């Protein structure tokens, strides 16, 4: 896949997880992540934070020049 696609995937993953995390703090939940509400609260928060960090890592790796020149 091209680098721009990976960047888009990283941005979307980070954005959705960050939005879900912020909204869960005020008691609102995204419909597409409704399955996280059935889990216990610490597990749900850990999954959301992991998604945010994964999105940042994907964005970084898609933009980094990893060649050994």
N, C-alpha and C. Protein backbone atom coordinates (compact mmCIF):
# COMPACT_ATOMS: atom_id res chain seq x y z
N UNK A 1 0.84 -1.18 0.00
CA UNK A 1 0.00 0.00 0.00
C UNK A 1 0.89 1.24 0.00
N UNK A 2 0.41 2.31 -0.58
CA UNK A 2 1.17 3.54 -0.61
C UNK A 2 1.24 4.16 0.77
N UNK A 3 2.23 5.02 0.94
CA UNK A 3 2.42 5.67 2.24
C UNK A 3 1.23 6.54 2.63
N UNK A 4 0.61 7.18 1.65
CA UNK A 4 -0.51 8.06 1.97
C UNK A 4 -1.70 7.28 2.52
N UNK A 5 -1.88 6.06 2.07
CA UNK A 5 -2.97 5.25 2.60
C UNK A 5 -2.71 4.88 4.06
N UNK A 6 -1.46 4.54 4.37
CA UNK A 6 -1.12 4.21 5.75
C UNK A 6 -1.29 5.42 6.66
N UNK A 7 -0.93 6.60 6.12
CA UNK A 7 -1.12 7.82 6.90
C UNK A 7 -2.59 8.06 7.17
N UNK A 8 -3.42 7.87 6.17
CA UNK A 8 -4.86 8.04 6.33
C UNK A 8 -5.41 7.06 7.37
N UNK A 9 -4.97 5.81 7.31
CA UNK A 9 -5.42 4.81 8.28
C UNK A 9 -5.00 5.21 9.69
N UNK A 10 -3.77 5.70 9.84
CA UNK A 10 -3.30 6.13 11.15
C UNK A 10 -4.08 7.31 11.69
N UNK A 11 -4.37 8.28 10.82
CA UNK A 11 -5.14 9.45 11.24
C UNK A 11 -6.55 9.06 11.65
N UNK A 12 -7.18 8.21 10.86
CA UNK A 12 -8.54 7.76 11.19
C UNK A 12 -8.57 6.97 12.49
N UNK A 13 -7.61 6.07 12.67
CA UNK A 13 -7.56 5.27 13.90
C UNK A 13 -7.35 6.17 15.11
N UNK A 14 -6.41 7.10 15.02
CA UNK A 14 -6.18 8.01 16.12
C UNK A 14 -7.39 8.89 16.38
N UNK A 15 -7.98 9.43 15.32
CA UNK A 15 -9.12 10.33 15.47
C UNK A 15 -10.33 9.66 16.09
N UNK A 16 -10.65 8.49 15.61
CA UNK A 16 -11.83 7.78 16.14
C UNK A 16 -11.61 7.38 17.59
N UNK A 17 -10.42 6.87 17.90
CA UNK A 17 -10.16 6.45 19.28
C UNK A 17 -10.08 7.64 20.22
N UNK A 18 -9.48 8.74 19.78
CA UNK A 18 -9.40 9.93 20.63
C UNK A 18 -10.79 10.52 20.86
N UNK A 19 -11.58 10.60 19.80
CA UNK A 19 -12.95 11.11 19.93
C UNK A 19 -13.77 10.22 20.84
N UNK A 20 -13.62 8.91 20.69
CA UNK A 20 -14.34 7.97 21.54
C UNK A 20 -13.93 8.12 23.00
N UNK A 21 -12.63 8.30 23.24
CA UNK A 21 -12.13 8.46 24.60
C UNK A 21 -12.66 9.75 25.23
N UNK A 22 -12.62 10.84 24.50
CA UNK A 22 -13.09 12.13 25.03
C UNK A 22 -14.59 12.08 25.28
N UNK A 23 -15.34 11.52 24.34
CA UNK A 23 -16.79 11.45 24.52
C UNK A 23 -17.18 10.52 25.66
N UNK A 24 -16.41 9.46 25.89
CA UNK A 24 -16.74 8.56 26.99
C UNK A 24 -16.54 9.22 28.34
N UNK A 25 -15.69 10.24 28.40
CA UNK A 25 -15.49 10.95 29.66
C UNK A 25 -16.73 11.74 30.07
N UNK A 26 -17.52 12.16 29.09
CA UNK A 26 -18.74 12.92 29.40
C UNK A 26 -19.99 12.06 29.31
N UNK A 27 -19.83 10.77 29.05
CA UNK A 27 -20.97 9.86 29.06
C UNK A 27 -21.63 9.62 27.72
N UNK A 28 -21.02 10.10 26.64
CA UNK A 28 -21.56 9.88 25.29
C UNK A 28 -20.70 8.82 24.62
N UNK A 29 -21.31 7.94 23.83
CA UNK A 29 -20.56 6.87 23.17
C UNK A 29 -20.83 6.86 21.68
N UNK A 30 -19.80 6.52 20.91
CA UNK A 30 -19.96 6.36 19.48
C UNK A 30 -20.66 5.04 19.19
N UNK A 31 -21.54 5.05 18.22
CA UNK A 31 -22.31 3.85 17.89
C UNK A 31 -21.42 2.74 17.37
N UNK A 32 -20.42 3.08 16.55
CA UNK A 32 -19.60 2.04 15.95
C UNK A 32 -18.65 1.37 16.96
N UNK A 33 -18.45 1.99 18.11
CA UNK A 33 -17.62 1.38 19.15
C UNK A 33 -18.47 0.98 20.36
N UNK A 34 -19.71 0.67 20.11
CA UNK A 34 -20.65 0.29 21.18
C UNK A 34 -20.21 -0.99 21.89
N UNK A 35 -19.50 -1.87 21.18
CA UNK A 35 -19.07 -3.12 21.80
C UNK A 35 -18.08 -2.87 22.94
N UNK A 36 -17.38 -1.73 22.92
CA UNK A 36 -16.46 -1.43 24.01
C UNK A 36 -17.19 -1.11 25.30
N UNK A 37 -18.44 -0.66 25.19
CA UNK A 37 -19.21 -0.33 26.39
C UNK A 37 -19.65 -1.57 27.14
N UNK A 38 -19.69 -2.72 26.47
CA UNK A 38 -20.08 -3.96 27.14
C UNK A 38 -18.94 -4.51 27.98
N UNK A 39 -17.71 -4.07 27.71
CA UNK A 39 -16.55 -4.52 28.48
C UNK A 39 -16.46 -3.72 29.78
N UNK A 40 -15.62 -4.16 30.65
CA UNK A 40 -15.41 -3.42 31.89
C UNK A 40 -14.71 -2.11 31.57
N UNK A 41 -14.85 -1.13 32.45
CA UNK A 41 -14.32 0.21 32.19
C UNK A 41 -12.80 0.25 31.98
N UNK A 42 -11.97 -0.39 32.81
CA UNK A 42 -10.52 -0.32 32.55
C UNK A 42 -10.12 -0.94 31.22
N UNK A 43 -10.75 -2.04 30.86
CA UNK A 43 -10.46 -2.70 29.59
C UNK A 43 -10.83 -1.80 28.42
N UNK A 44 -11.96 -1.16 28.51
CA UNK A 44 -12.42 -0.25 27.47
C UNK A 44 -11.46 0.92 27.30
N UNK A 45 -11.01 1.49 28.39
CA UNK A 45 -10.09 2.62 28.33
C UNK A 45 -8.75 2.20 27.76
N UNK A 46 -8.27 1.03 28.15
CA UNK A 46 -6.99 0.53 27.64
C UNK A 46 -7.07 0.30 26.14
N UNK A 47 -8.17 -0.25 25.65
CA UNK A 47 -8.33 -0.48 24.21
C UNK A 47 -8.36 0.84 23.46
N UNK A 48 -9.06 1.84 23.99
CA UNK A 48 -9.11 3.15 23.34
C UNK A 48 -7.74 3.81 23.30
N UNK A 49 -7.01 3.76 24.42
CA UNK A 49 -5.67 4.35 24.46
C UNK A 49 -4.70 3.61 23.54
N UNK A 50 -4.82 2.29 23.48
CA UNK A 50 -3.98 1.50 22.59
C UNK A 50 -4.26 1.87 21.14
N UNK A 51 -5.51 2.08 20.79
CA UNK A 51 -5.85 2.51 19.44
C UNK A 51 -5.27 3.87 19.10
N UNK A 52 -5.28 4.78 20.07
CA UNK A 52 -4.70 6.11 19.84
C UNK A 52 -3.19 6.00 19.61
N UNK A 53 -2.50 5.23 20.45
CA UNK A 53 -1.06 5.08 20.28
C UNK A 53 -0.73 4.33 18.98
N UNK A 54 -1.54 3.35 18.62
CA UNK A 54 -1.31 2.63 17.37
C UNK A 54 -1.47 3.56 16.18
N UNK A 55 -2.44 4.45 16.23
CA UNK A 55 -2.62 5.42 15.15
C UNK A 55 -1.44 6.34 15.02
N UNK A 56 -0.90 6.79 16.14
CA UNK A 56 0.29 7.66 16.11
C UNK A 56 1.49 6.91 15.55
N UNK A 57 1.67 5.66 15.96
CA UNK A 57 2.80 4.87 15.47
C UNK A 57 2.68 4.61 13.98
N UNK A 58 1.48 4.30 13.50
CA UNK A 58 1.27 4.08 12.07
C UNK A 58 1.57 5.35 11.29
N UNK A 59 1.12 6.50 11.79
CA UNK A 59 1.41 7.76 11.10
C UNK A 59 2.91 8.03 11.07
N UNK A 60 3.59 7.81 12.18
CA UNK A 60 5.03 8.06 12.24
C UNK A 60 5.78 7.15 11.26
N UNK A 61 5.46 5.86 11.29
CA UNK A 61 6.16 4.92 10.42
C UNK A 61 5.87 5.17 8.95
N UNK A 62 4.69 5.67 8.64
CA UNK A 62 4.38 5.94 7.23
C UNK A 62 5.11 7.17 6.72
N UNK A 63 5.46 8.09 7.60
CA UNK A 63 6.17 9.31 7.20
C UNK A 63 7.68 9.22 7.37
N UNK A 64 8.16 8.27 8.15
CA UNK A 64 9.59 8.16 8.44
C UNK A 64 10.32 7.58 7.23
N UNK A 65 11.53 8.07 7.05
CA UNK A 65 12.40 7.52 6.02
C UNK A 65 13.27 6.44 6.66
N UNK A 66 12.93 5.20 6.42
CA UNK A 66 13.59 4.08 7.10
C UNK A 66 14.72 3.47 6.30
N UNK A 67 15.14 4.13 5.23
CA UNK A 67 16.24 3.59 4.42
C UNK A 67 17.55 3.81 5.14
N UNK A 68 18.50 2.93 4.91
CA UNK A 68 19.81 2.98 5.56
C UNK A 68 20.85 3.63 4.65
N UNK A 69 20.56 4.78 4.15
CA UNK A 69 21.49 5.46 3.25
C UNK A 69 22.63 6.09 4.00
